[in-house]
Protein backbone atom coordinates (compact mmCIF):
# COMPACT_ATOMS: atom_id res chain seq x y z
CA MET A 1 0.00 0.00 0.00
CA LYS A 2 1.29 3.43 -0.93
CA VAL A 3 0.63 6.30 1.47
CA ALA A 4 -0.25 9.52 -0.32
CA ARG A 5 2.30 12.24 0.31
CA ARG A 6 0.96 15.37 1.95
CA THR A 7 2.17 18.94 1.92
CA MET A 8 1.23 21.69 4.36
CA THR A 9 -1.29 24.20 2.98
CA ASN A 10 -2.85 27.40 4.28
CA LYS A 11 -5.95 25.42 5.19
CA CYS A 12 -4.20 22.57 7.01
CA GLU A 13 -1.12 22.86 9.20
CA TRP A 14 -0.99 19.21 10.31
CA LYS A 15 2.11 17.44 9.00
CA GLU A 16 2.19 13.80 7.98
CA GLU A 17 4.66 13.10 10.79
CA GLU A 18 1.99 14.27 13.26
CA LEU A 19 -0.68 12.16 11.57
CA PHE A 20 1.59 9.11 11.82
CA ASP A 21 2.23 9.81 15.52
CA PHE A 22 -1.54 10.13 16.04
CA VAL A 23 -2.20 6.72 14.47
CA ALA A 24 0.68 5.18 16.44
CA GLY A 25 -0.63 6.68 19.70
CA LYS A 26 2.47 8.80 20.29
CA ILE A 27 0.95 12.27 20.77
CA ASP A 28 -0.41 13.72 24.00
CA ARG A 29 -4.11 13.72 24.88
CA PHE A 30 -4.71 17.44 24.18
CA LYS A 31 -3.11 17.32 20.73
CA SER A 32 -4.93 14.08 19.94
CA LYS A 33 -8.28 15.72 20.70
CA GLN A 34 -7.41 18.71 18.52
CA LEU A 35 -6.56 16.43 15.62
CA ARG A 36 -9.70 14.34 16.02
CA LEU A 37 -11.78 17.53 15.74
CA HIS A 38 -9.78 18.57 12.67
CA LEU A 39 -10.34 15.18 11.01
CA LYS A 40 -14.10 15.76 11.03
CA SER A 41 -13.69 18.47 8.37
CA CYS A 42 -10.42 17.67 6.54
CA HIS A 43 -10.78 14.93 3.92
CA ASP A 44 -7.06 14.96 3.04
CA CYS A 45 -6.04 14.22 6.62
CA GLN A 46 -8.82 11.63 6.94
CA SER A 47 -7.43 9.81 3.90
CA THR A 48 -3.84 9.90 5.17
CA VAL A 49 -4.82 8.68 8.65
CA SER A 50 -6.87 5.83 7.14
CA GLU A 51 -3.91 4.73 5.02
CA TRP A 52 -1.51 4.75 7.99
CA LYS A 53 -4.05 2.79 10.05
CA ALA A 54 -4.26 0.14 7.34
CA ILE A 55 -0.47 -0.14 7.21
CA LEU A 56 0.14 -0.24 10.95
CA HIS A 57 -2.54 -2.85 11.54
CA CYS A 58 -1.44 -5.34 8.93
CA GLU A 59 0.29 -7.23 11.74
CA GLN A 60 -3.05 -8.59 12.97
CA ASN A 61 -3.05 -11.14 10.17
CA VAL A 62 0.62 -12.15 9.91
CA THR A 63 3.05 -14.34 11.81
CA GLN A 64 5.19 -12.82 14.57
CA PRO A 65 8.98 -12.76 13.88
CA SER A 66 11.70 -14.24 16.03
CA PRO A 67 12.68 -12.25 19.18
CA GLY A 68 16.13 -11.49 17.76
CA LEU A 69 14.79 -10.07 14.52
CA LYS A 70 12.16 -8.09 16.39
CA ARG A 71 14.82 -6.47 18.61
CA ARG A 72 16.88 -5.42 15.58
CA ILE A 73 13.92 -3.87 13.80
CA ASP A 74 12.67 -2.22 17.00
CA LYS A 75 16.04 -0.42 17.14
CA SER A 76 15.51 0.77 13.57
CA ILE A 77 12.07 2.10 14.49
CA ASP A 78 13.54 3.94 17.50
CA LYS A 79 16.18 5.54 15.26
CA PHE A 80 13.46 6.70 12.89
CA ALA A 81 11.47 8.20 15.77
CA LYS A 82 14.54 10.10 17.02
CA HIS A 83 15.27 11.34 13.51
CA LYS A 84 11.87 13.07 13.37
CA VAL A 85 12.90 15.67 15.93
CA ASN A 86 14.48 17.60 13.07
CA LYS A 87 12.22 20.40 11.87
CA TRP A 88 12.46 19.32 8.24
CA VAL A 89 12.69 15.80 6.85
CA SER A 90 13.56 15.44 3.20
CA LYS A 91 10.94 13.82 1.01
CA PRO A 92 13.24 10.98 -0.16
CA ALA A 93 14.20 10.16 3.43
CA TYR A 94 10.60 10.23 4.58
CA ALA A 95 9.48 8.08 1.66
CA ILE A 96 12.17 5.51 2.50
CA ALA A 97 11.12 5.54 6.15
CA GLY A 98 7.52 4.97 5.07
CA CYS A 99 8.56 1.97 3.00
CA PHE A 100 10.45 0.50 5.96
CA LEU A 101 7.45 1.02 8.23
CA PHE A 102 5.23 -0.76 5.73
CA ILE A 103 7.59 -3.74 5.67
CA PHE A 104 7.76 -3.80 9.47
CA ALA A 105 3.98 -3.75 9.71
CA LEU A 106 3.73 -6.73 7.39
CA LEU A 107 6.14 -8.58 9.67
CA GLY A 108 3.93 -7.83 12.64
CA LEU A 109 6.48 -5.65 14.41
CA LEU A 110 4.62 -2.40 14.98
CA GLN A 111 2.53 -2.76 18.12
CA MET A 112 0.87 -0.16 20.33
CA LYS A 113 3.00 0.78 23.32
CA SER A 114 1.42 2.57 26.25
CA THR A 115 3.45 4.42 28.89
CA GLY A 116 1.08 5.42 31.63
CA GLY A 117 -2.43 6.80 31.52
CA GLU A 118 -1.59 9.75 29.23
CA GLU A 119 -1.09 7.70 26.05
CA TYR A 120 -3.85 5.69 24.46
CA PHE A 121 -5.19 4.54 21.11
CA VAL A 122 -8.71 4.96 19.70
CA GLN A 123 -10.23 3.38 16.61
CA GLN A 124 -13.79 3.46 15.27
CA GLN A 125 -16.23 1.81 12.84
CA GLU A 126 -15.74 -0.74 10.04
CA GLU A 127 -12.24 -2.05 10.74
CA LEU A 128 -13.43 -3.34 14.13
CA SER A 129 -16.30 -5.53 12.96
CA HIS A 130 -14.43 -8.76 13.74
CA HIS A 131 -12.12 -7.68 16.57
CA PRO A 132 -10.69 -10.65 18.55
CA ILE A 133 -11.35 -9.08 21.98
CA ALA A 134 -14.83 -10.65 22.12
CA ARG A 135 -13.31 -14.15 21.84
CA ASP A 136 -10.56 -13.65 24.46
CA ALA A 137 -10.98 -15.73 27.62
CA ASN A 138 -9.84 -12.74 29.73
CA THR A 139 -12.59 -10.47 28.40
CA SER A 140 -15.60 -9.46 30.50
CA GLN A 141 -18.90 -8.51 28.86
CA PHE A 142 -21.30 -5.76 29.96
CA LYS A 143 -24.66 -4.62 28.61
CA VAL A 144 -25.45 -1.03 27.61
CA ILE A 145 -28.16 0.56 29.79
CA PRO A 146 -30.18 3.23 27.89
CA THR A 147 -31.74 6.18 29.74
CA SER A 148 -35.31 7.41 29.55
CA ASN A 149 -34.21 10.64 27.81
CA PHE A 150 -33.73 8.79 24.52
CA ASN A 151 -35.42 6.05 22.50
CA LYS A 152 -34.92 3.59 25.36
CA ASN A 153 -36.54 0.66 23.60
CA GLU A 154 -34.31 0.95 20.54
CA ILE A 155 -30.83 1.48 22.03
CA GLU A 156 -28.95 -1.70 22.81
CA GLY A 157 -25.31 -2.67 22.90
CA THR A 158 -22.39 -4.39 24.58
CA VAL A 159 -19.01 -3.46 26.04
CA TRP A 160 -16.16 -5.98 26.02
CA LEU A 161 -13.45 -5.14 28.57
CA ASN A 162 -10.07 -6.87 28.83
CA ASP A 163 -8.05 -5.60 31.81
CA LYS A 164 -5.13 -7.88 30.97
CA ASN A 165 -4.60 -6.32 27.54
CA ASN A 166 -5.84 -2.85 28.60
CA GLU A 167 -8.43 -2.72 25.83
CA MET A 168 -12.14 -2.11 25.45
CA LEU A 169 -14.63 -2.48 22.60
CA LEU A 170 -18.08 -0.83 22.56
CA LYS A 171 -20.80 -1.68 20.07
CA ALA A 172 -24.18 0.05 20.33
CA GLU A 173 -27.07 0.63 17.93
CA GLY A 174 -30.34 2.50 17.82
CA LEU A 175 -28.85 6.00 18.14
CA THR A 176 -30.29 8.85 16.09
CA PRO A 177 -27.87 11.46 14.63
CA ILE A 178 -28.88 15.01 15.64
CA VAL A 179 -27.94 18.14 13.68
CA GLU A 180 -25.42 20.40 15.44
CA LYS A 181 -24.84 17.79 18.15
CA ASP A 182 -22.22 15.09 18.73
CA TYR A 183 -22.34 11.95 20.81
CA GLN A 184 -19.44 11.89 23.25
CA LEU A 185 -18.15 8.98 25.34
CA TRP A 186 -16.93 9.50 28.90
CA MET A 187 -14.75 7.17 30.97
CA ILE A 188 -15.46 7.89 34.62
CA HIS A 189 -12.59 7.19 37.04
CA PRO A 190 -12.98 7.75 40.79
CA LYS A 191 -9.54 9.41 41.04
CA ARG A 192 -8.91 10.82 37.55
CA ASP A 193 -10.20 13.54 35.26
CA LEU A 194 -12.94 12.59 32.82
CA ASN A 195 -11.76 11.24 29.49
CA GLY A 196 -14.15 12.36 26.71
CA GLU A 197 -14.07 10.96 23.16
CA LEU A 198 -16.19 12.10 20.20
CA LEU A 199 -18.06 9.21 18.61
CA THR A 200 -18.72 8.44 14.96
CA ILE A 201 -22.32 7.37 14.28
CA LYS A 202 -22.97 5.32 11.14
CA ASN A 203 -26.42 3.95 10.37
CA GLY A 204 -27.36 4.54 13.99
CA MET A 205 -24.44 2.45 15.23
CA ILE A 206 -21.32 3.09 17.35
CA VAL A 207 -18.28 0.82 17.09
CA PHE A 208 -15.55 2.16 19.37
CA TYR A 209 -12.23 0.58 20.40
CA TYR A 210 -9.95 1.94 23.13
CA LYS A 211 -6.53 0.71 24.27
CA GLY A 212 -4.67 2.34 27.15
CA GLU A 213 -3.55 1.97 30.75
CA GLY A 214 -5.97 2.44 33.64
CA LEU A 215 -9.03 0.68 32.25
CA ASP A 216 -9.21 -1.39 35.44
CA GLU A 217 -9.91 1.88 37.31
CA VAL A 218 -12.84 2.95 35.12
CA ARG A 219 -16.13 2.76 37.05
CA PHE A 220 -18.64 3.79 34.40
CA ILE A 221 -18.81 4.36 30.65
CA GLU A 222 -21.33 7.05 29.68
CA VAL A 223 -22.41 8.46 26.32
CA SER A 224 -24.06 11.89 26.22
CA LEU A 225 -25.26 14.31 23.55
CA GLU A 226 -22.99 17.37 23.44
CA PRO A 227 -22.59 20.55 21.35
CA LYS A 228 -20.95 20.05 17.96
CA GLY A 229 -17.24 19.43 18.43
CA GLY A 230 -17.62 18.03 21.93
CA SER A 231 -17.36 19.38 25.47
CA PRO A 232 -14.59 19.28 28.10
CA LEU A 233 -17.21 18.01 30.59
CA PRO A 234 -20.62 16.32 30.16
CA THR A 235 -23.32 18.96 29.65
CA GLY A 236 -26.01 17.29 27.56
CA PRO A 237 -28.53 14.54 28.21
CA LYS A 238 -27.18 11.04 28.74
CA ALA A 239 -28.00 8.51 25.99
CA PHE A 240 -26.79 5.41 27.83
CA TYR A 241 -24.26 4.17 30.36
CA VAL A 242 -22.39 0.97 31.27
CA ASP A 243 -21.63 -0.13 34.83
CA LEU A 244 -18.22 -1.84 34.60
CA GLN A 245 -18.22 -3.03 38.21
CA GLN A 246 -21.69 -4.53 38.42
């Protein structure tokens, strides 16, 4: 797969290096939220992010390499990451790096690494339709509980939570898109700030995957209707919630 090269324009100041870091889960939470908002209106960035996602997740269907080979290629990846601190990266060098990353992904070497609660990875919609988390023996299953504020009899869904792998998958259906409003997911920790994520609704359905440290501390998952672009805190009516410690 060839990733389309991007150049910075007056309308978009996000560089491809930043889009790659976003897909790889290597940017901070604030910057990640800014980029997710930007992706809602920038088709060029949407396309580039989708292509990087496809490349970096090829490892799900290939055989893992030997530990020795993995260590050698991990060192190459680290060198590439350090090289990106330069303000400008030449197009030939970046193209070569992209080719190497594609090869590494095919070998199953690029995996999400999480260092504390500040780094996490989010993925939504079609690519998650057959995610293996639901078949893992360490996964717990929880039902979505709709509230009376919405079409209670139509909303239904499930959350799969795997504390061992620090990952969660939410599937829910029966939600109605509302003009000038966004559905936003909240992870409620007893000792942490709220973590809000904008949700993509397609045909009334949410498919949302999250991987990051601290999932074992999450008490509730809630989805509320917020102003377009999302809110720093829940302000709108609650569509449904999930009790993860029931």
